[in-house]
Amino acid sequence: LDDDLAAQDQKFQRRRIPVGHEGDEEISIRPYNGSILVSGASGSGKSTLTAGLLEAIMERKYQVCLIDPEGDYEAFAGMVTIGDERHPPSLDQILQSLEKPGAQVVVNMIGVQLADRPAFFATLLPRLQEMRLRTGRPHWLVIDEAHHMLHAGWAPASAELAGELKNIILITVHPEHVAPSALQAVDVMFAVGTAARDVVKEFAETIGVPEPHVQSKEVDLRKALVWFRETDALRQIDLLPPKVERKRHKRKYAYGELDPDRSFFFKGTKGQLNLRAQNLMVFLQLAEGIDDETWNYHLRQGDYSKWFREGIKDEDLSKEVTQVEENAALNPRESRELVKKAIEQRYTAPA
């Protein structure tokens, strides 16, 4: 009654959530009263790590509400998705779905304009927190692109709701851009990728605490760094892989709205243009309308294959378009058609 069993936490092991191994030791996290940060560069494995966490949490019958700004988790097994690229998610539908204790819910915000997504989330979060105060559910709130949803200027609606910033998984490339009030609740941090140590350092600086030191002299890039703030231990662990490989959500790239830093810009030979393609369908429309000189300028620089590889995260498409870019015998019409065909076969053809 004094502290909601917090002092007895170490005695309760049965419901803990396994996340990986360090040697022969199983590493697990508490299933309640804590929050998690998952961070690393784009393409470093954050989604794979998150998928494993979600599976482990749902296997133990905890309810999850996943905030998915870019439609990355629509096909996640065992979860119902609310919203798509044509229909923004409904607040009432989200809350009605979560009233069923067994429902696992993805809030797909791809149908919400990019600039409006933080405001939509700001409206939804107090409703979810009020539901938690009333029912204790959803047990876990997962927030992808947390640096957009809980940006540095964000503040909780009330002191009471600020106390409910727990059992949250924050996923972000930029922990330094997340609201400090949200980061202060984090007691376990996962850092992945080649810059894992830098990410840990950024997080420590943002919340104003000393950076922990890893025991080993070298960081194994195949492992994840996990900082348990309660003990100030920074450990390297082998993560539990997700049992079901997550399907790549392609509609996000075909019809959604990518961030400006992940969009393609037709600039022209002298920077006279600034035409933004925020998805592949807009890219194809602009490609048809621009002049041959502009098309060839980006083609010969390898800009298209670079965007498909880095912005769209499609290595196969990038490789195929690279062959088009390197074929000097093609005229602009022919190269346009080949690039268009490569995109449509992957993103608009029937399954």
Protein backbone atom coordinates (compact mmCIF):
# COMPACT_ATOMS: atom_id res chain seq x y z
CA LEU A 1 0.00 0.00 0.00
CA ASP A 2 2.87 2.39 0.73
CA ASP A 3 4.61 2.13 -2.63
CA ASP A 4 2.48 -0.15 -4.81
CA LEU A 5 4.86 -3.09 -4.19
CA ALA A 6 7.85 -1.23 -5.62
CA ALA A 7 10.04 -2.35 -2.69
CA GLN A 8 9.18 -5.97 -3.43
CA ASP A 9 10.02 -5.75 -7.13
CA GLN A 10 13.01 -8.10 -7.09
CA LYS A 11 10.93 -10.84 -5.46
CA PHE A 12 8.56 -10.99 -8.41
CA GLN A 13 10.27 -12.79 -11.30
CA ARG A 14 7.51 -14.88 -12.92
CA ARG A 15 6.07 -12.10 -15.06
CA ARG A 16 9.32 -10.38 -16.01
CA ILE A 17 9.89 -9.85 -19.73
CA PRO A 18 12.98 -11.53 -21.24
CA VAL A 19 14.94 -9.35 -23.69
CA GLY A 20 18.13 -11.31 -24.33
CA HIS A 21 21.19 -13.00 -22.89
CA GLU A 22 24.59 -11.97 -21.60
CA GLY A 23 26.56 -15.19 -21.78
CA ASP A 24 24.43 -17.80 -20.00
CA GLU A 25 22.48 -15.22 -18.00
CA GLU A 26 18.97 -14.30 -19.13
CA ILE A 27 18.38 -10.54 -19.11
CA SER A 28 14.83 -9.39 -18.38
CA ILE A 29 12.94 -6.22 -17.54
CA ARG A 30 10.16 -5.54 -15.09
CA PRO A 31 6.67 -5.66 -16.61
CA TYR A 32 5.36 -2.56 -14.83
CA ASN A 33 6.29 0.79 -13.34
CA GLY A 34 9.19 1.48 -15.69
CA SER A 35 9.81 2.90 -19.14
CA ILE A 36 12.13 2.00 -22.00
CA LEU A 37 14.04 3.97 -24.62
CA VAL A 38 15.07 2.26 -27.89
CA SER A 39 17.49 4.34 -29.91
CA GLY A 40 20.00 4.07 -32.74
CA ALA A 41 20.62 5.33 -36.24
CA SER A 42 18.20 4.63 -39.07
CA GLY A 43 18.53 1.03 -40.20
CA SER A 44 20.42 -0.02 -37.05
CA GLY A 45 17.86 -2.59 -35.89
CA LYS A 46 15.44 -0.59 -33.73
CA SER A 47 12.41 -2.15 -35.42
CA THR A 48 13.73 -5.69 -34.95
CA LEU A 49 14.46 -5.01 -31.29
CA THR A 50 11.00 -3.48 -30.80
CA ALA A 51 9.33 -6.44 -32.53
CA GLY A 52 11.01 -8.84 -30.09
CA LEU A 53 9.92 -6.70 -27.13
CA LEU A 54 6.33 -6.55 -28.38
CA GLU A 55 6.14 -10.31 -28.85
CA ALA A 56 7.48 -10.94 -25.34
CA ILE A 57 5.08 -8.42 -23.78
CA MET A 58 2.02 -9.75 -25.62
CA GLU A 59 2.90 -13.37 -24.87
CA ARG A 60 2.45 -12.48 -21.20
CA LYS A 61 -1.02 -11.10 -21.91
CA TYR A 62 -0.19 -7.45 -21.35
CA GLN A 63 -2.15 -5.03 -23.52
CA VAL A 64 -0.22 -2.81 -25.94
CA CYS A 65 -1.18 0.38 -27.74
CA LEU A 66 1.41 1.21 -30.41
CA ILE A 67 1.56 4.73 -31.85
CA ASP A 68 2.75 4.25 -35.44
CA PRO A 69 3.22 7.60 -37.23
CA GLU A 70 4.63 6.14 -40.46
CA GLY A 71 2.68 2.90 -40.88
CA ASP A 72 5.63 0.62 -40.09
CA TYR A 73 3.72 -1.85 -37.91
CA GLU A 74 0.44 -2.32 -39.78
CA ALA A 75 1.11 -5.98 -40.52
CA PHE A 76 2.38 -6.88 -37.04
CA ALA A 77 1.03 -10.29 -36.03
CA GLY A 78 -1.60 -10.34 -33.29
CA MET A 79 -2.42 -6.63 -33.47
CA VAL A 80 -5.39 -4.81 -34.96
CA THR A 81 -4.61 -1.66 -36.93
CA ILE A 82 -6.77 1.45 -36.79
CA GLY A 83 -6.22 3.93 -39.62
CA ASP A 84 -4.61 3.71 -43.05
CA GLU A 85 -3.33 6.07 -45.74
CA ARG A 86 -6.88 7.11 -46.70
CA HIS A 87 -8.56 7.08 -43.27
CA PRO A 88 -7.01 8.81 -40.24
CA PRO A 89 -7.51 6.84 -37.02
CA SER A 90 -10.57 7.71 -34.97
CA LEU A 91 -10.06 8.54 -31.29
CA ASP A 92 -13.32 6.86 -30.33
CA GLN A 93 -12.47 3.72 -32.31
CA ILE A 94 -9.05 3.51 -30.66
CA LEU A 95 -10.50 3.76 -27.15
CA GLN A 96 -13.37 1.38 -27.91
CA SER A 97 -10.94 -1.22 -29.19
CA LEU A 98 -8.75 -0.88 -26.10
CA GLU A 99 -11.76 -1.46 -23.83
CA LYS A 100 -11.39 -5.15 -24.73
CA PRO A 101 -8.54 -6.38 -22.50
CA GLY A 102 -7.34 -8.87 -25.11
CA ALA A 103 -7.08 -6.33 -27.94
CA GLN A 104 -3.61 -5.26 -29.09
CA VAL A 105 -3.90 -1.99 -31.04
CA VAL A 106 -1.75 -0.20 -33.61
CA VAL A 107 -2.67 3.45 -34.19
CA ASN A 108 -1.60 3.98 -37.81
CA MET A 109 -1.19 7.72 -38.38
CA ILE A 110 -0.02 7.55 -41.99
CA GLY A 111 -3.35 9.09 -43.08
CA VAL A 112 -2.71 12.15 -40.88
CA GLN A 113 -0.74 14.99 -42.47
CA LEU A 114 2.86 15.00 -41.29
CA ALA A 115 2.58 18.42 -39.65
CA ASP A 116 -0.63 17.39 -37.85
CA ARG A 117 0.64 14.17 -36.29
CA PRO A 118 2.07 15.68 -33.07
CA ALA A 119 -1.21 17.51 -32.46
CA PHE A 120 -3.22 14.33 -33.05
CA PHE A 121 -1.03 12.47 -30.58
CA ALA A 122 -1.29 15.33 -28.07
CA THR A 123 -5.07 14.87 -28.18
CA LEU A 124 -4.91 11.09 -27.90
CA LEU A 125 -2.37 10.79 -25.08
CA PRO A 126 -4.50 12.31 -22.27
CA ARG A 127 -7.38 10.02 -23.29
CA LEU A 128 -5.10 6.99 -23.03
CA GLN A 129 -3.72 8.16 -19.70
CA GLU A 130 -7.23 8.72 -18.32
CA MET A 131 -8.11 5.18 -19.42
CA ARG A 132 -5.05 3.92 -17.57
CA LEU A 133 -6.09 5.73 -14.39
CA ARG A 134 -9.52 4.12 -14.68
CA THR A 135 -8.63 0.58 -15.81
CA GLY A 136 -4.86 0.15 -15.61
CA ARG A 137 -4.77 -0.46 -19.36
CA PRO A 138 -3.24 -0.35 -21.89
CA HIS A 139 -0.39 -1.81 -19.87
CA TRP A 140 2.24 -0.63 -22.36
CA LEU A 141 2.24 2.39 -24.63
CA VAL A 142 4.75 2.18 -27.49
CA ILE A 143 5.59 5.46 -29.27
CA ASP A 144 7.51 5.27 -32.53
CA GLU A 145 9.19 8.44 -33.83
CA ALA A 146 9.08 9.73 -30.25
CA HIS A 147 11.13 12.82 -31.16
CA HIS A 148 8.14 13.99 -33.25
CA MET A 149 5.33 12.84 -30.96
CA LEU A 150 6.98 14.00 -27.70
CA HIS A 151 9.17 16.78 -29.04
CA ALA A 152 11.38 18.88 -26.79
CA GLY A 153 8.66 21.52 -26.29
CA TRP A 154 6.02 19.01 -25.21
CA ALA A 155 4.59 19.15 -21.67
CA PRO A 156 2.03 16.86 -19.94
CA ALA A 157 -1.52 18.14 -19.67
CA SER A 158 -1.54 17.91 -15.86
CA ALA A 159 0.60 16.83 -12.92
CA GLU A 160 -1.61 13.77 -12.42
CA LEU A 161 -1.13 12.66 -16.02
CA ALA A 162 2.60 13.37 -15.81
CA GLY A 163 2.73 10.65 -13.17
CA GLU A 164 1.35 8.21 -15.71
CA LEU A 165 4.40 8.53 -17.99
CA LYS A 166 5.48 5.00 -17.22
CA ASN A 167 5.24 1.64 -18.96
CA ILE A 168 6.12 3.50 -22.15
CA ILE A 169 8.52 2.39 -24.88
CA LEU A 170 10.00 5.37 -26.73
CA ILE A 171 11.57 4.64 -30.14
CA THR A 172 13.69 7.37 -31.68
CA VAL A 173 16.76 8.21 -33.71
CA HIS A 174 17.25 11.41 -31.70
CA PRO A 175 16.85 11.03 -27.91
CA GLU A 176 18.15 14.58 -27.46
CA HIS A 177 15.04 15.87 -29.27
CA VAL A 178 12.55 14.08 -26.97
CA ALA A 179 10.86 16.01 -24.15
CA PRO A 180 12.99 15.79 -20.98
CA SER A 181 9.88 15.06 -18.90
CA ALA A 182 9.32 11.89 -20.95
CA LEU A 183 12.98 10.84 -20.83
CA GLN A 184 13.22 11.22 -17.06
CA ALA A 185 10.84 8.26 -16.64
CA VAL A 186 13.14 5.95 -18.64
CA ASP A 187 14.86 3.35 -16.48
CA VAL A 188 16.11 1.02 -19.24
CA MET A 189 17.75 2.20 -22.45
CA PHE A 190 18.56 0.04 -25.48
CA ALA A 191 21.12 1.43 -27.93
CA VAL A 192 21.82 -0.37 -31.21
CA GLY A 193 24.00 0.13 -34.26
CA THR A 194 27.48 1.40 -34.95
CA ALA A 195 26.91 4.62 -32.97
CA ALA A 196 25.41 2.94 -29.89
CA ARG A 197 27.93 4.50 -27.50
CA ASP A 198 27.24 7.98 -28.91
CA VAL A 199 23.51 7.46 -28.47
CA VAL A 200 23.97 6.48 -24.82
CA LYS A 201 26.09 9.60 -24.30
CA GLU A 202 23.43 11.84 -25.91
CA PHE A 203 20.74 10.38 -23.67
CA ALA A 204 22.85 10.87 -20.54
CA GLU A 205 23.59 14.49 -21.47
CA THR A 206 19.93 15.18 -22.22
CA ILE A 207 18.72 14.01 -18.80
CA GLY A 208 21.73 15.53 -17.03
CA VAL A 209 23.40 12.45 -15.55
CA PRO A 210 26.91 11.00 -15.96
CA GLU A 211 27.43 8.61 -18.85
CA PRO A 212 27.73 4.97 -17.73
CA HIS A 213 30.81 3.00 -18.64
CA VAL A 214 30.67 -0.35 -20.39
CA GLN A 215 32.70 -3.10 -18.71
CA SER A 216 34.30 -4.39 -21.92
CA LYS A 217 36.94 -2.31 -23.69
CA GLU A 218 35.30 -2.89 -27.07
CA VAL A 219 31.65 -2.74 -28.09
CA ASP A 220 30.44 -5.73 -30.10
CA LEU A 221 28.32 -4.23 -32.90
CA ARG A 222 26.32 -7.48 -33.13
CA LYS A 223 25.01 -6.89 -29.62
CA ALA A 224 22.86 -4.20 -28.06
CA LEU A 225 23.99 -1.89 -25.30
CA VAL A 226 21.49 -1.86 -22.43
CA TRP A 227 21.70 0.73 -19.68
CA PHE A 228 19.86 -0.20 -16.49
CA ARG A 229 19.70 3.17 -14.77
CA GLU A 230 18.61 1.74 -11.41
CA THR A 231 21.97 -0.01 -11.00
CA ASP A 232 23.85 2.20 -13.50
CA ALA A 233 24.95 -0.96 -15.29
CA LEU A 234 25.73 -0.78 -19.02
CA ARG A 235 25.67 -4.26 -20.47
CA GLN A 236 26.18 -5.82 -23.90
CA ILE A 237 23.55 -8.44 -24.63
CA ASP A 238 22.44 -10.76 -27.40
CA LEU A 239 18.85 -9.76 -28.13
CA LEU A 240 16.05 -12.28 -28.45
CA PRO A 241 15.08 -12.22 -32.15
CA PRO A 242 11.39 -11.86 -33.00
CA LYS A 243 9.75 -15.18 -33.79
CA VAL A 244 7.87 -13.84 -36.78
CA GLU A 245 9.75 -11.68 -39.26
CA ARG A 246 7.84 -8.43 -39.64
CA LYS A 247 6.53 -7.75 -43.14
CA ARG A 248 7.84 -4.59 -44.66
CA HIS A 249 5.04 -2.08 -44.95
CA LYS A 250 5.22 -0.76 -48.50
CA ARG A 251 2.21 1.55 -48.64
CA LYS A 252 4.04 3.98 -46.39
CA TYR A 253 6.64 4.51 -49.10
CA ALA A 254 4.18 4.39 -51.97
CA TYR A 255 1.44 6.71 -50.68
CA GLY A 256 2.40 8.06 -47.25
CA GLU A 257 4.18 11.28 -46.38
CA LEU A 258 7.85 10.88 -45.54
CA ASP A 259 9.71 13.50 -43.53
CA PRO A 260 11.41 16.19 -45.64
CA ASP A 261 14.83 14.76 -44.74
CA ARG A 262 13.75 11.42 -46.24
CA SER A 263 11.98 12.84 -49.28
CA PHE A 264 13.48 13.21 -52.75
CA PHE A 265 13.99 16.70 -54.19
CA PHE A 266 14.33 17.39 -57.89
CA LYS A 267 16.76 20.33 -57.80
CA GLY A 268 17.88 20.63 -61.43
CA THR A 269 21.34 21.31 -62.83
CA LYS A 270 21.68 24.74 -61.21
CA GLY A 271 19.39 24.31 -58.23
CA GLN A 272 16.63 26.16 -60.06
CA LEU A 273 13.96 23.68 -58.85
CA ASN A 274 12.81 22.46 -55.46
CA LEU A 275 10.21 19.80 -56.24
CA ARG A 276 9.63 17.49 -53.27
CA ALA A 277 8.58 13.86 -53.71
CA GLN A 278 7.38 12.73 -50.27
CA ASN A 279 6.56 9.23 -51.54
CA LEU A 280 7.10 7.01 -54.57
CA MET A 281 3.86 7.87 -56.35
CA VAL A 282 4.63 11.59 -56.18
CA PHE A 283 8.15 10.79 -57.38
CA LEU A 284 6.71 9.08 -60.48
CA GLN A 285 4.33 11.98 -61.16
CA LEU A 286 7.12 14.55 -60.92
CA ALA A 287 9.44 12.37 -62.99
CA GLU A 288 6.94 12.44 -65.85
CA GLY A 289 6.62 16.21 -65.75
CA ILE A 290 10.19 17.43 -65.35
CA ASP A 291 12.39 18.22 -68.34
CA ASP A 292 14.88 15.71 -69.74
CA GLU A 293 17.88 17.73 -68.59
CA THR A 294 16.76 17.64 -64.95
CA TRP A 295 15.92 13.93 -65.15
CA ASN A 296 19.30 13.08 -66.61
CA TYR A 297 21.15 15.33 -64.16
CA HIS A 298 19.93 13.29 -61.16
CA LEU A 299 20.17 10.02 -63.07
CA ARG A 300 23.86 10.42 -63.93
CA GLN A 301 24.70 11.46 -60.35
CA GLY A 302 23.12 8.27 -59.00
CA ASP A 303 20.63 10.29 -56.94
CA TYR A 304 17.69 7.96 -57.60
CA SER A 305 19.38 4.74 -56.46
CA LYS A 306 20.80 6.58 -53.44
CA TRP A 307 17.31 7.71 -52.37
CA PHE A 308 15.82 4.25 -52.86
CA ARG A 309 18.59 2.81 -50.69
CA GLU A 310 18.71 5.43 -47.93
CA GLY A 311 15.25 7.04 -47.92
CA ILE A 312 13.06 4.13 -49.04
CA LYS A 313 15.25 1.43 -47.45
CA ASP A 314 14.93 -0.82 -50.49
CA GLU A 315 18.30 -2.28 -51.41
CA ASP A 316 16.91 -4.42 -54.27
CA LEU A 317 15.20 -1.46 -55.94
CA SER A 318 18.35 0.59 -55.52
CA LYS A 319 20.48 -2.06 -57.21
CA GLU A 320 18.12 -2.35 -60.17
CA VAL A 321 17.97 1.41 -60.68
CA THR A 322 21.77 1.62 -60.39
CA GLN A 323 21.96 -0.50 -63.55
CA VAL A 324 19.70 2.00 -65.32
CA GLU A 325 21.81 4.93 -64.10
CA GLU A 326 25.00 3.31 -65.41
CA ASN A 327 23.58 2.50 -68.87
CA ALA A 328 24.69 5.48 -70.97
CA ALA A 329 22.95 4.08 -74.07
CA LEU A 330 19.47 4.80 -72.67
CA ASN A 331 17.65 7.97 -73.66
CA PRO A 332 15.56 9.88 -71.04
CA ARG A 333 12.29 8.24 -72.10
CA GLU A 334 13.75 4.74 -71.83
CA SER A 335 15.40 5.32 -68.46
CA ARG A 336 12.19 6.86 -67.07
CA GLU A 337 10.20 3.81 -68.17
CA LEU A 338 12.66 1.37 -66.59
CA VAL A 339 12.69 3.23 -63.28
CA LYS A 340 8.90 3.48 -63.32
CA LYS A 341 8.55 -0.23 -64.05
CA ALA A 342 10.93 -1.16 -61.23
CA ILE A 343 8.92 0.90 -58.73
CA GLU A 344 5.49 -0.26 -59.87
CA GLN A 345 6.45 -3.94 -59.79
CA ARG A 346 7.39 -3.65 -56.13
CA TYR A 347 4.90 -1.14 -54.80
CA THR A 348 1.73 -1.11 -56.89
CA ALA A 349 1.50 -4.58 -58.46
CA PRO A 350 -1.10 -6.95 -56.93
CA ALA A 351 0.30 -9.34 -54.30
